[in-house]
PDB file of N, CA and C in Angstrom:
ATOM      1  N   MET A   1     -14.690   1.799 -48.608  1.00  0.00           N
ATOM      2  CA  MET A   1     -14.214   3.117 -48.226  1.00  0.00           C
ATOM      3  C   MET A   1     -14.438   4.055 -49.410  1.00  0.00           C
ATOM      4  N   SER A   2     -15.036   5.192 -49.163  1.00  0.00           N
ATOM      5  CA  SER A   2     -15.303   6.147 -50.239  1.00  0.00           C
ATOM      6  C   SER A   2     -14.019   6.878 -50.622  1.00  0.00           C
ATOM      7  N   GLU A   3     -14.062   7.536 -51.783  1.00  0.00           N
ATOM      8  CA  GLU A   3     -12.886   8.270 -52.249  1.00  0.00           C
ATOM      9  C   GLU A   3     -12.486   9.355 -51.255  1.00  0.00           C
ATOM     10  N   SER A   4     -13.487  10.072 -50.710  1.00  0.00           N
ATOM     11  CA  SER A   4     -13.174  11.139 -49.766  1.00  0.00           C
ATOM     12  C   SER A   4     -12.475  10.597 -48.540  1.00  0.00           C
ATOM     13  N   SER A   5     -12.925   9.455 -48.034  1.00  0.00           N
ATOM     14  CA  SER A   5     -12.284   8.934 -46.845  1.00  0.00           C
ATOM     15  C   SER A   5     -10.876   8.424 -47.149  1.00  0.00           C
ATOM     16  N   VAL A   6     -10.644   7.916 -48.355  1.00  0.00           N
ATOM     17  CA  VAL A   6      -9.288   7.507 -48.727  1.00  0.00           C
ATOM     18  C   VAL A   6      -8.370   8.728 -48.728  1.00  0.00           C
ATOM     19  N   VAL A   7      -8.819   9.803 -49.330  1.00  0.00           N
ATOM     20  CA  VAL A   7      -8.008  11.020 -49.365  1.00  0.00           C
ATOM     21  C   VAL A   7      -7.800  11.551 -47.950  1.00  0.00           C
ATOM     22  N   SER A   8      -8.853  11.596 -47.169  1.00  0.00           N
ATOM     23  CA  SER A   8      -8.731  12.073 -45.786  1.00  0.00           C
ATOM     24  C   SER A   8      -7.774  11.196 -44.994  1.00  0.00           C
ATOM     25  N   ASN A   9      -7.869   9.881 -45.181  1.00  0.00           N
ATOM     26  CA  ASN A   9      -6.967   8.963 -44.475  1.00  0.00           C
ATOM     27  C   ASN A   9      -5.523   9.161 -44.917  1.00  0.00           C
ATOM     28  N   LEU A  10      -5.311   9.342 -46.215  1.00  0.00           N
ATOM     29  CA  LEU A  10      -3.949   9.611 -46.699  1.00  0.00           C
ATOM     30  C   LEU A  10      -3.406  10.899 -46.103  1.00  0.00           C
ATOM     31  N   MET A  11      -4.230  11.938 -46.072  1.00  0.00           N
ATOM     32  CA  MET A  11      -3.787  13.214 -45.499  1.00  0.00           C
ATOM     33  C   MET A  11      -3.448  13.049 -44.019  1.00  0.00           C
ATOM     34  N   ALA A  12      -4.209  12.230 -43.317  1.00  0.00           N
ATOM     35  CA  ALA A  12      -3.917  11.986 -41.900  1.00  0.00           C
ATOM     36  C   ALA A  12      -2.581  11.266 -41.739  1.00  0.00           C
ATOM     37  N   VAL A  13      -2.304  10.298 -42.604  1.00  0.00           N
ATOM     38  CA  VAL A  13      -1.027   9.585 -42.549  1.00  0.00           C
ATOM     39  C   VAL A  13       0.120  10.546 -42.858  1.00  0.00           C
ATOM     40  N   ILE A  14      -0.052  11.379 -43.868  1.00  0.00           N
ATOM     41  CA  ILE A  14       0.989  12.345 -44.233  1.00  0.00           C
ATOM     42  C   ILE A  14       1.260  13.292 -43.067  1.00  0.00           C
ATOM     43  N   ALA A  15       0.200  13.797 -42.433  1.00  0.00           N
ATOM     44  CA  ALA A  15       0.367  14.697 -41.288  1.00  0.00           C
ATOM     45  C   ALA A  15       1.064  13.985 -40.132  1.00  0.00           C
ATOM     46  N   GLU A  16       0.694  12.747 -39.892  1.00  0.00           N
ATOM     47  CA  GLU A  16       1.315  11.969 -38.815  1.00  0.00           C
ATOM     48  C   GLU A  16       2.801  11.740 -39.094  1.00  0.00           C
ATOM     49  N   ARG A  17       3.124  11.378 -40.336  1.00  0.00           N
ATOM     50  CA  ARG A  17       4.530  11.140 -40.689  1.00  0.00           C
ATOM     51  C   ARG A  17       5.339  12.430 -40.607  1.00  0.00           C
ATOM     52  N   LYS A  18       4.694  13.556 -40.923  1.00  0.00           N
ATOM     53  CA  LYS A  18       5.384  14.842 -40.822  1.00  0.00           C
ATOM     54  C   LYS A  18       5.655  15.180 -39.350  1.00  0.00           C
ATOM     55  N   ALA A  19       4.658  14.972 -38.515  1.00  0.00           N
ATOM     56  CA  ALA A  19       4.784  15.322 -37.099  1.00  0.00           C
ATOM     57  C   ALA A  19       5.665  14.341 -36.330  1.00  0.00           C
ATOM     58  N   ARG A  20       5.535  13.063 -36.652  1.00  0.00           N
ATOM     59  CA  ARG A  20       6.261  12.022 -35.927  1.00  0.00           C
ATOM     60  C   ARG A  20       6.795  10.992 -36.913  1.00  0.00           C
ATOM     61  N   PRO A  21       7.910  11.299 -37.566  1.00  0.00           N
ATOM     62  CA  PRO A  21       8.466  10.341 -38.531  1.00  0.00           C
ATOM     63  C   PRO A  21       8.747   8.993 -37.855  1.00  0.00           C
ATOM     64  N   PRO A  22       8.295   7.908 -38.464  1.00  0.00           N
ATOM     65  CA  PRO A  22       8.552   6.595 -37.866  1.00  0.00           C
ATOM     66  C   PRO A  22      10.028   6.213 -37.997  1.00  0.00           C
ATOM     67  N   ALA A  23      10.446   5.295 -37.144  1.00  0.00           N
ATOM     68  CA  ALA A  23      11.832   4.822 -37.195  1.00  0.00           C
ATOM     69  C   ALA A  23      12.087   4.018 -38.469  1.00  0.00           C
ATOM     70  N   ASP A  24      11.061   3.318 -38.930  1.00  0.00           N
ATOM     71  CA  ASP A  24      11.199   2.524 -40.155  1.00  0.00           C
ATOM     72  C   ASP A  24      11.230   3.436 -41.376  1.00  0.00           C
ATOM     73  N   ARG A  25      11.731   2.897 -42.471  1.00  0.00           N
ATOM     74  CA  ARG A  25      11.770   3.654 -43.728  1.00  0.00           C
ATOM     75  C   ARG A  25      10.358   4.057 -44.143  1.00  0.00           C
ATOM     76  N   SER A  26      10.224   5.254 -44.680  1.00  0.00           N
ATOM     77  CA  SER A  26       8.933   5.769 -45.116  1.00  0.00           C
ATOM     78  C   SER A  26       9.146   6.639 -46.353  1.00  0.00           C
ATOM     79  N   TYR A  27       8.441   6.301 -47.416  1.00  0.00           N
ATOM     80  CA  TYR A  27       8.522   7.094 -48.640  1.00  0.00           C
ATOM     81  C   TYR A  27       8.010   8.507 -48.384  1.00  0.00           C
ATOM     82  N   VAL A  28       6.908   8.618 -47.650  1.00  0.00           N
ATOM     83  CA  VAL A  28       6.342   9.936 -47.354  1.00  0.00           C
ATOM     84  C   VAL A  28       7.369  10.791 -46.599  1.00  0.00           C
ATOM     85  N   VAL A  29       7.995  10.214 -45.584  1.00  0.00           N
ATOM     86  CA  VAL A  29       8.997  10.961 -44.814  1.00  0.00           C
ATOM     87  C   VAL A  29      10.158  11.371 -45.711  1.00  0.00           C
ATOM     88  N   SER A  30      10.596  10.470 -46.589  1.00  0.00           N
ATOM     89  CA  SER A  30      11.717  10.821 -47.474  1.00  0.00           C
ATOM     90  C   SER A  30      11.358  11.997 -48.377  1.00  0.00           C
ATOM     91  N   LEU A  31      10.119  12.037 -48.856  1.00  0.00           N
ATOM     92  CA  LEU A  31       9.683  13.165 -49.682  1.00  0.00           C
ATOM     93  C   LEU A  31       9.608  14.444 -48.848  1.00  0.00           C
ATOM     94  N   LEU A  32       8.996  14.354 -47.677  1.00  0.00           N
ATOM     95  CA  LEU A  32       8.861  15.536 -46.820  1.00  0.00           C
ATOM     96  C   LEU A  32      10.224  16.101 -46.432  1.00  0.00           C
ATOM     97  N   GLN A  33      11.151  15.231 -46.114  1.00  0.00           N
ATOM     98  CA  GLN A  33      12.484  15.691 -45.718  1.00  0.00           C
ATOM     99  C   GLN A  33      13.262  16.277 -46.895  1.00  0.00           C
ATOM    100  N   ALA A  34      13.027  15.769 -48.091  1.00  0.00           N
ATOM    101  CA  ALA A  34      13.713  16.292 -49.278  1.00  0.00           C
ATOM    102  C   ALA A  34      13.173  17.658 -49.676  1.00  0.00           C
ATOM    103  N   GLY A  35      11.937  17.951 -49.295  1.00  0.00           N
ATOM    104  CA  GLY A  35      11.368  19.273 -49.528  1.00  0.00           C
ATOM    105  C   GLY A  35      10.697  19.449 -50.871  1.00  0.00           C
ATOM    106  N   ASP A  36      10.309  20.682 -51.112  1.00  0.00           N
ATOM    107  CA  ASP A  36       9.554  21.007 -52.321  1.00  0.00           C
ATOM    108  C   ASP A  36      10.244  20.594 -53.617  1.00  0.00           C
ATOM    109  N   PRO A  37      11.547  20.825 -53.777  1.00  0.00           N
ATOM    110  CA  PRO A  37      12.143  20.451 -55.066  1.00  0.00           C
ATOM    111  C   PRO A  37      11.897  18.978 -55.429  1.00  0.00           C
ATOM    112  N   LYS A  38      12.044  18.087 -54.475  1.00  0.00           N
ATOM    113  CA  LYS A  38      11.829  16.667 -54.736  1.00  0.00           C
ATOM    114  C   LYS A  38      10.350  16.373 -55.016  1.00  0.00           C
ATOM    115  N   ILE A  39       9.468  16.928 -54.186  1.00  0.00           N
ATOM    116  CA  ILE A  39       8.037  16.683 -54.360  1.00  0.00           C
ATOM    117  C   ILE A  39       7.553  17.267 -55.680  1.00  0.00           C
ATOM    118  N   LEU A  40       7.979  18.467 -55.994  1.00  0.00           N
ATOM    119  CA  LEU A  40       7.570  19.097 -57.257  1.00  0.00           C
ATOM    120  C   LEU A  40       8.096  18.309 -58.454  1.00  0.00           C
ATOM    121  N   GLY A  41       9.307  17.788 -58.342  1.00  0.00           N
ATOM    122  CA  GLY A  41       9.856  16.950 -59.404  1.00  0.00           C
ATOM    123  C   GLY A  41       9.025  15.697 -59.607  1.00  0.00           C
ATOM    124  N   LYS A  42       8.588  15.089 -58.500  1.00  0.00           N
ATOM    125  CA  LYS A  42       7.751  13.890 -58.595  1.00  0.00           C
ATOM    126  C   LYS A  42       6.404  14.236 -59.218  1.00  0.00           C
ATOM    127  N   ILE A  43       5.836  15.379 -58.864  1.00  0.00           N
ATOM    128  CA  ILE A  43       4.562  15.790 -59.451  1.00  0.00           C
ATOM    129  C   ILE A  43       4.722  15.982 -60.956  1.00  0.00           C
ATOM    130  N   ALA A  44       5.795  16.629 -61.378  1.00  0.00           N
ATOM    131  CA  ALA A  44       6.032  16.832 -62.811  1.00  0.00           C
ATOM    132  C   ALA A  44       6.218  15.495 -63.518  1.00  0.00           C
ATOM    133  N   GLU A  45       6.981  14.602 -62.902  1.00  0.00           N
ATOM    134  CA  GLU A  45       7.208  13.269 -63.479  1.00  0.00           C
ATOM    135  C   GLU A  45       5.893  12.511 -63.617  1.00  0.00           C
ATOM    136  N   GLU A  46       5.094  12.528 -62.564  1.00  0.00           N
ATOM    137  CA  GLU A  46       3.822  11.792 -62.596  1.00  0.00           C
ATOM    138  C   GLU A  46       2.842  12.426 -63.576  1.00  0.00           C
ATOM    139  N   ALA A  47       2.848  13.750 -63.686  1.00  0.00           N
ATOM    140  CA  ALA A  47       1.967  14.413 -64.654  1.00  0.00           C
ATOM    141  C   ALA A  47       2.318  13.989 -66.077  1.00  0.00           C
ATOM    142  N   ALA A  48       3.610  13.903 -66.368  1.00  0.00           N
ATOM    143  CA  ALA A  48       4.038  13.442 -67.697  1.00  0.00           C
ATOM    144  C   ALA A  48       3.607  11.998 -67.926  1.00  0.00           C
ATOM    145  N   GLU A  49       3.663  11.176 -66.890  1.00  0.00           N
ATOM    146  CA  GLU A  49       3.246   9.784 -67.019  1.00  0.00           C
ATOM    147  C   GLU A  49       1.733   9.674 -67.211  1.00  0.00           C
ATOM    148  N   VAL A  50       0.960  10.572 -66.603  1.00  0.00           N
ATOM    149  CA  VAL A  50      -0.488  10.608 -66.833  1.00  0.00           C
ATOM    150  C   VAL A  50      -0.767  10.916 -68.297  1.00  0.00           C
ATOM    151  N   VAL A  51      -0.065  11.899 -68.824  1.00  0.00           N
ATOM    152  CA  VAL A  51      -0.247  12.277 -70.231  1.00  0.00           C
ATOM    153  C   VAL A  51       0.085  11.099 -71.144  1.00  0.00           C
ATOM    154  N   ALA A  52       1.195  10.436 -70.887  1.00  0.00           N
ATOM    155  CA  ALA A  52       1.600   9.296 -71.715  1.00  0.00           C
ATOM    156  C   ALA A  52       0.589   8.151 -71.599  1.00  0.00           C
ATOM    157  N   ALA A  53       0.129   7.874 -70.401  1.00  0.00           N
ATOM    158  CA  ALA A  53      -0.836   6.782 -70.203  1.00  0.00           C
ATOM    159  C   ALA A  53      -2.156   7.081 -70.897  1.00  0.00           C
ATOM    160  N   ALA A  54      -2.563   8.346 -70.904  1.00  0.00           N
ATOM    161  CA  ALA A  54      -3.821   8.721 -71.545  1.00  0.00           C
ATOM    162  C   ALA A  54      -3.779   8.485 -73.053  1.00  0.00           C
ATOM    163  N   ALA A  55      -2.592   8.481 -73.617  1.00  0.00           N
ATOM    164  CA  ALA A  55      -2.439   8.281 -75.061  1.00  0.00           C
ATOM    165  C   ALA A  55      -2.429   6.806 -75.450  1.00  0.00           C
ATOM    166  N   GLU A  56      -2.332   5.906 -74.466  1.00  0.00           N
ATOM    167  CA  GLU A  56      -2.301   4.471 -74.763  1.00  0.00           C
ATOM    168  C   GLU A  56      -3.698   3.983 -75.133  1.00  0.00           C
ATOM    169  N   PRO A  57      -3.794   3.144 -76.144  1.00  0.00           N
ATOM    170  CA  PRO A  57      -5.109   2.627 -76.535  1.00  0.00           C
ATOM    171  C   PRO A  57      -5.570   1.474 -75.637  1.00  0.00           C
ATOM    172  N   GLY A  58      -6.878   1.266 -75.593  1.00  0.00           N
ATOM    173  CA  GLY A  58      -7.450   0.083 -74.965  1.00  0.00           C
ATOM    174  C   GLY A  58      -7.494   0.108 -73.459  1.00  0.00           C
ATOM    175  N   ASP A  59      -7.973  -1.029 -72.909  1.00  0.00           N
ATOM    176  CA  ASP A  59      -8.141  -1.157 -71.461  1.00  0.00           C
ATOM    177  C   ASP A  59      -6.814  -1.110 -70.717  1.00  0.00           C
ATOM    178  N   GLY A  60      -5.746  -1.612 -71.320  1.00  0.00           N
ATOM    179  CA  GLY A  60      -4.439  -1.529 -70.672  1.00  0.00           C
ATOM    180  C   GLY A  60      -4.034  -0.089 -70.450  1.00  0.00           C
ATOM    181  N   GLY A  61      -4.329   0.757 -71.421  1.00  0.00           N
ATOM    182  CA  GLY A  61      -4.050   2.178 -71.282  1.00  0.00           C
ATOM    183  C   GLY A  61      -4.890   2.806 -70.186  1.00  0.00           C
ATOM    184  N   ARG A  62      -6.152   2.372 -70.107  1.00  0.00           N
ATOM    185  CA  ARG A  62      -7.040   2.885 -69.061  1.00  0.00           C
ATOM    186  C   ARG A  62      -6.510   2.505 -67.684  1.00  0.00           C
ATOM    187  N   ASP A  63      -6.129   1.262 -67.518  1.00  0.00           N
ATOM    188  CA  ASP A  63      -5.589   0.803 -66.231  1.00  0.00           C
ATOM    189  C   ASP A  63      -4.311   1.553 -65.879  1.00  0.00           C
ATOM    190  N   HIS A  64      -3.472   1.769 -66.873  1.00  0.00           N
ATOM    191  CA  HIS A  64      -2.237   2.516 -66.655  1.00  0.00           C
ATOM    192  C   HIS A  64      -2.552   3.955 -66.254  1.00  0.00           C
ATOM    193  N   LEU A  65      -3.532   4.547 -66.922  1.00  0.00           N
ATOM    194  CA  LEU A  65      -3.945   5.916 -66.609  1.00  0.00           C
ATOM    195  C   LEU A  65      -4.430   6.009 -65.162  1.00  0.00           C
ATOM    196  N   VAL A  66      -5.205   5.039 -64.721  1.00  0.00           N
ATOM    197  CA  VAL A  66      -5.696   5.042 -63.345  1.00  0.00           C
ATOM    198  C   VAL A  66      -4.521   5.005 -62.359  1.00  0.00           C
ATOM    199  N   ARG A  67      -3.561   4.131 -62.611  1.00  0.00           N
ATOM    200  CA  ARG A  67      -2.394   4.021 -61.715  1.00  0.00           C
ATOM    201  C   ARG A  67      -1.594   5.316 -61.685  1.00  0.00           C
ATOM    202  N   GLU A  68      -1.366   5.890 -62.853  1.00  0.00           N
ATOM    203  CA  GLU A  68      -0.563   7.115 -62.915  1.00  0.00           C
ATOM    204  C   GLU A  68      -1.304   8.297 -62.299  1.00  0.00           C
ATOM    205  N   ALA A  69      -2.623   8.360 -62.500  1.00  0.00           N
ATOM    206  CA  ALA A  69      -3.407   9.431 -61.873  1.00  0.00           C
ATOM    207  C   ALA A  69      -3.352   9.307 -60.355  1.00  0.00           C
ATOM    208  N   ALA A  70      -3.406   8.078 -59.853  1.00  0.00           N
ATOM    209  CA  ALA A  70      -3.293   7.864 -58.400  1.00  0.00           C
ATOM    210  C   ALA A  70      -1.935   8.350 -57.897  1.00  0.00           C
ATOM    211  N   ASP A  71      -0.869   8.052 -58.641  1.00  0.00           N
ATOM    212  CA  ASP A  71       0.471   8.519 -58.255  1.00  0.00           C
ATOM    213  C   ASP A  71       0.534  10.045 -58.231  1.00  0.00           C
ATOM    214  N   LEU A  72      -0.040  10.677 -59.244  1.00  0.00           N
ATOM    215  CA  LEU A  72      -0.036  12.140 -59.325  1.00  0.00           C
ATOM    216  C   LEU A  72      -0.786  12.751 -58.142  1.00  0.00           C
ATOM    217  N   ILE A  73      -1.960  12.221 -57.869  1.00  0.00           N
ATOM    218  CA  ILE A  73      -2.768  12.743 -56.762  1.00  0.00           C
ATOM    219  C   ILE A  73      -2.052  12.520 -55.434  1.00  0.00           C
ATOM    220  N   PHE A  74      -1.466  11.342 -55.254  1.00  0.00           N
ATOM    221  CA  PHE A  74      -0.729  11.057 -54.024  1.00  0.00           C
ATOM    222  C   PHE A  74       0.370  12.098 -53.790  1.00  0.00           C
ATOM    223  N   HIS A  75       1.167  12.373 -54.812  1.00  0.00           N
ATOM    224  CA  HIS A  75       2.267  13.327 -54.649  1.00  0.00           C
ATOM    225  C   HIS A  75       1.742  14.746 -54.410  1.00  0.00           C
ATOM    226  N   ALA A  76       0.614  15.096 -55.018  1.00  0.00           N
ATOM    227  CA  ALA A  76       0.002  16.402 -54.747  1.00  0.00           C
ATOM    228  C   ALA A  76      -0.455  16.467 -53.286  1.00  0.00           C
ATOM    229  N   LEU A  77      -0.965  15.361 -52.760  1.00  0.00           N
ATOM    230  CA  LEU A  77      -1.368  15.329 -51.350  1.00  0.00           C
ATOM    231  C   LEU A  77      -0.167  15.501 -50.427  1.00  0.00           C
ATOM    232  N   VAL A  78       0.955  14.894 -50.780  1.00  0.00           N
ATOM    233  CA  VAL A  78       2.169  15.066 -49.976  1.00  0.00           C
ATOM    234  C   VAL A  78       2.574  16.543 -49.975  1.00  0.00           C
ATOM    235  N   LEU A  79       2.501  17.192 -51.125  1.00  0.00           N
ATOM    236  CA  LEU A  79       2.826  18.621 -51.202  1.00  0.00           C
ATOM    237  C   LEU A  79       1.888  19.439 -50.317  1.00  0.00           C
ATOM    238  N   LEU A  80       0.598  19.141 -50.384  1.00  0.00           N
ATOM    239  CA  LEU A  80      -0.357  19.846 -49.532  1.00  0.00           C
ATOM    240  C   LEU A  80      -0.015  19.632 -48.057  1.00  0.00           C
ATOM    241  N   GLY A  81       0.295  18.388 -47.703  1.00  0.00           N
ATOM    242  CA  GLY A  81       0.644  18.090 -46.319  1.00  0.00           C
ATOM    243  C   GLY A  81       1.893  18.813 -45.867  1.00  0.00           C
ATOM    244  N   ARG A  82       2.869  18.887 -46.738  1.00  0.00           N
ATOM    245  CA  ARG A  82       4.112  19.600 -46.398  1.00  0.00           C
ATOM    246  C   ARG A  82       3.832  21.051 -46.069  1.00  0.00           C
ATOM    247  N   HIS A  83       2.845  21.622 -46.776  1.00  0.00           N
ATOM    248  CA  HIS A  83       2.507  23.035 -46.576  1.00  0.00           C
ATOM    249  C   HIS A  83       1.336  23.230 -45.614  1.00  0.00           C
ATOM    250  N   ASP A  84       0.965  22.169 -44.910  1.00  0.00           N
ATOM    251  CA  ASP A  84      -0.124  22.228 -43.927  1.00  0.00           C
ATOM    252  C   ASP A  84      -1.431  22.740 -44.526  1.00  0.00           C
ATOM    253  N   VAL A  85      -1.700  22.351 -45.756  1.00  0.00           N
ATOM    254  CA  VAL A  85      -2.970  22.685 -46.399  1.00  0.00           C
ATOM    255  C   VAL A  85      -3.889  21.483 -46.212  1.00  0.00           C
ATOM    256  N   PRO A  86      -4.952  21.635 -45.431  1.00  0.00           N
ATOM    257  CA  PRO A  86      -5.827  20.494 -45.183  1.00  0.00           C
ATOM    258  C   PRO A  86      -6.710  20.185 -46.392  1.00  0.00           C
ATOM    259  N   TRP A  87      -7.033  18.922 -46.551  1.00  0.00           N
ATOM    260  CA  TRP A  87      -7.880  18.512 -47.679  1.00  0.00           C
ATOM    261  C   TRP A  87      -9.203  19.273 -47.720  1.00  0.00           C
ATOM    262  N   PRO A  88      -9.869  19.543 -46.581  1.00  0.00           N
ATOM    263  CA  PRO A  88     -11.119  20.317 -46.658  1.00  0.00           C
ATOM    264  C   PRO A  88     -10.953  21.686 -47.326  1.00  0.00           C
ATOM    265  N   ALA A  89      -9.768  22.276 -47.273  1.00  0.00           N
ATOM    266  CA  ALA A  89      -9.543  23.554 -47.961  1.00  0.00           C
ATOM    267  C   ALA A  89      -9.622  23.369 -49.473  1.00  0.00           C
ATOM    268  N   VAL A  90      -9.089  22.240 -49.956  1.00  0.00           N
ATOM    269  CA  VAL A  90      -9.162  21.944 -51.392  1.00  0.00           C
ATOM    270  C   VAL A  90     -10.610  21.642 -51.776  1.00  0.00           C
ATOM    271  N   GLU A  91     -11.294  20.854 -50.952  1.00  0.00           N
ATOM    272  CA  GLU A  91     -12.704  20.555 -51.227  1.00  0.00           C
ATOM    273  C   GLU A  91     -13.538  21.831 -51.242  1.00  0.00           C
ATOM    274  N   ALA A  92     -13.258  22.747 -50.312  1.00  0.00           N
ATOM    275  CA  ALA A  92     -13.996  24.009 -50.267  1.00  0.00           C
ATOM    276  C   ALA A  92     -13.778  24.818 -51.541  1.00  0.00           C
ATOM    277  N   GLU A  93     -12.539  24.827 -52.028  1.00  0.00           N
ATOM    278  CA  GLU A  93     -12.260  25.556 -53.270  1.00  0.00           C
ATOM    279  C   GLU A  93     -12.972  24.912 -54.457  1.00  0.00           C
ATOM    280  N   LEU A  94     -12.947  23.589 -54.508  1.00  0.00           N
ATOM    281  CA  LEU A  94     -13.675  22.903 -55.577  1.00  0.00           C
ATOM    282  C   LEU A  94     -15.173  23.184 -55.462  1.00  0.00           C
ATOM    283  N   GLY A  95     -15.684  23.195 -54.236  1.00  0.00           N
ATOM    284  CA  GLY A  95     -17.096  23.506 -54.025  1.00  0.00           C
ATOM    285  C   GLY A  95     -17.440  24.912 -54.467  1.00  0.00           C
ATOM    286  N   ARG A  96     -16.539  25.847 -54.197  1.00  0.00           N
ATOM    287  CA  ARG A  96     -16.762  27.235 -54.622  1.00  0.00           C
ATOM    288  C   ARG A  96     -16.880  27.325 -56.129  1.00  0.00           C
ATOM    289  N   ARG A  97     -16.087  26.525 -56.815  1.00  0.00           N
ATOM    290  CA  ARG A  97     -16.077  26.558 -58.283  1.00  0.00           C
ATOM    291  C   ARG A  97     -17.206  25.753 -58.909  1.00  0.00           C
ATOM    292  N   PHE A  98     -17.787  24.836 -58.147  1.00  0.00           N
ATOM    293  CA  PHE A  98     -18.806  23.940 -58.690  1.00  0.00           C
ATOM    294  C   PHE A  98     -20.001  24.740 -59.195  1.00  0.00           C
ATOM    295  N   GLY A  99     -20.411  24.446 -60.400  1.00  0.00           N
ATOM    296  CA  GLY A  99     -21.556  25.130 -60.980  1.00  0.00           C
ATOM    297  C   GLY A  99     -21.208  26.438 -61.670  1.00  0.00           C
ATOM    298  N   ILE A 100     -19.923  26.784 -61.645  1.00  0.00           N
ATOM    299  CA  ILE A 100     -19.461  27.990 -62.345  1.00  0.00           C
ATOM    300  C   ILE A 100     -18.743  27.527 -63.602  1.00  0.00           C
ATOM    301  N   SER A 101     -19.020  28.175 -64.695  1.00  0.00           N
ATOM    302  CA  SER A 101     -18.315  27.856 -65.931  1.00  0.00           C
ATOM    303  C   SER A 101     -16.816  27.951 -65.700  1.00  0.00           C
ATOM    304  N   GLY A 102     -16.076  26.969 -66.192  1.00  0.00           N
ATOM    305  CA  GLY A 102     -14.625  26.998 -66.069  1.00  0.00           C
ATOM    306  C   GLY A 102     -14.021  28.233 -66.707  1.00  0.00           C
ATOM    307  N   ILE A 103     -14.611  28.672 -67.789  1.00  0.00           N
ATOM    308  CA  ILE A 103     -14.119  29.868 -68.481  1.00  0.00           C
ATOM    309  C   ILE A 103     -14.339  31.095 -67.599  1.00  0.00           C
ATOM    310  N   VAL A 104     -15.527  31.210 -67.025  1.00  0.00           N
ATOM    311  CA  VAL A 104     -15.850  32.350 -66.164  1.00  0.00           C
ATOM    312  C   VAL A 104     -14.961  32.326 -64.922  1.00  0.00           C
ATOM    313  N   GLU A 105     -14.778  31.150 -64.319  1.00  0.00           N
ATOM    314  CA  GLU A 105     -13.959  31.046 -63.120  1.00  0.00           C
ATOM    315  C   GLU A 105     -12.529  31.460 -63.410  1.00  0.00           C
ATOM    316  N   LYS A 106     -11.977  30.981 -64.522  1.00  0.00           N
ATOM    317  CA  LYS A 106     -10.606  31.325 -64.909  1.00  0.00           C
ATOM    318  C   LYS A 106     -10.472  32.836 -65.131  1.00  0.00           C
ATOM    319  N   GLU A 107     -11.449  33.430 -65.803  1.00  0.00           N
ATOM    320  CA  GLU A 107     -11.428  34.883 -66.035  1.00  0.00           C
ATOM    321  C   GLU A 107     -11.496  35.657 -64.734  1.00  0.00           C
ATOM    322  N   SER A 108     -12.236  35.144 -63.742  1.00  0.00           N
ATOM    323  CA  SER A 108     -12.333  35.844 -62.470  1.00  0.00           C
ATOM    324  C   SER A 108     -10.992  35.841 -61.741  1.00  0.00           C
ATOM    325  N   ARG A 109     -10.203  34.789 -61.910  1.00  0.00           N
ATOM    326  CA  ARG A 109      -8.869  34.744 -61.286  1.00  0.00           C
ATOM    327  C   ARG A 109      -7.938  35.741 -61.960  1.00  0.00           C
ATOM    328  N   SER A 110      -8.066  35.912 -63.274  1.00  0.00           N
ATOM    329  CA  SER A 110      -7.216  36.862 -63.998  1.00  0.00           C
ATOM    330  C   SER A 110      -7.493  38.289 -63.550  1.00  0.00           C
ATOM    331  N   SER A 111      -8.760  38.594 -63.273  1.00  0.00           N
ATOM    332  CA  SER A 111      -9.093  39.968 -62.872  1.00  0.00           C
ATOM    333  C   SER A 111      -8.689  40.255 -61.443  1.00  0.00           C
ATOM    334  N   GLN A 112      -8.448  39.208 -60.641  1.00  0.00           N
ATOM    335  CA  GLN A 112      -8.023  39.400 -59.247  1.00  0.00           C
ATOM    336  C   GLN A 112      -6.527  39.672 -59.144  1.00  0.00           C
ATOM    337  N   SER A 113      -5.778  39.358 -60.180  1.00  0.00           N
ATOM    338  CA  SER A 113      -4.313  39.528 -60.145  1.00  0.00           C
ATOM    339  C   SER A 113      -3.921  40.969 -60.230  1.00  0.00           C
TER     340      SER A 113
END
C-alpha cells in the first residue's frame, strides 16, 4: 500500500467514525467528541515528541522519530477530518507550493494578509 493510499484510507476511517461512531470503543471517536482542544493538545504533545526523538542519536532515535512522526501526522489527520477538510485539499496545496522556493512562498502569504 502506498503512502497516499494509507493516508486516504485513514481519512476515510476518520470520516466514517465521525459520521457513524461505532458502538465499540474508538480512539478516533473519543478525539472527535472531545473536540479541537483535545486534538490540538495531542498535536502539540506529538510535535514535542518528534522534536525530542529527532535529537536522539543512532538508529533507535531514527525508529523513534518515525513512530512519533506517524503519531503527529495521524492526529493532524483527525483534526482535518473533524473540520471536513479532505486530504486532496492538502495535496493540492502542497502541489501548488511544489517547485516554489519556500522563502518566496512564505513571503507571498505575508503579502496576502
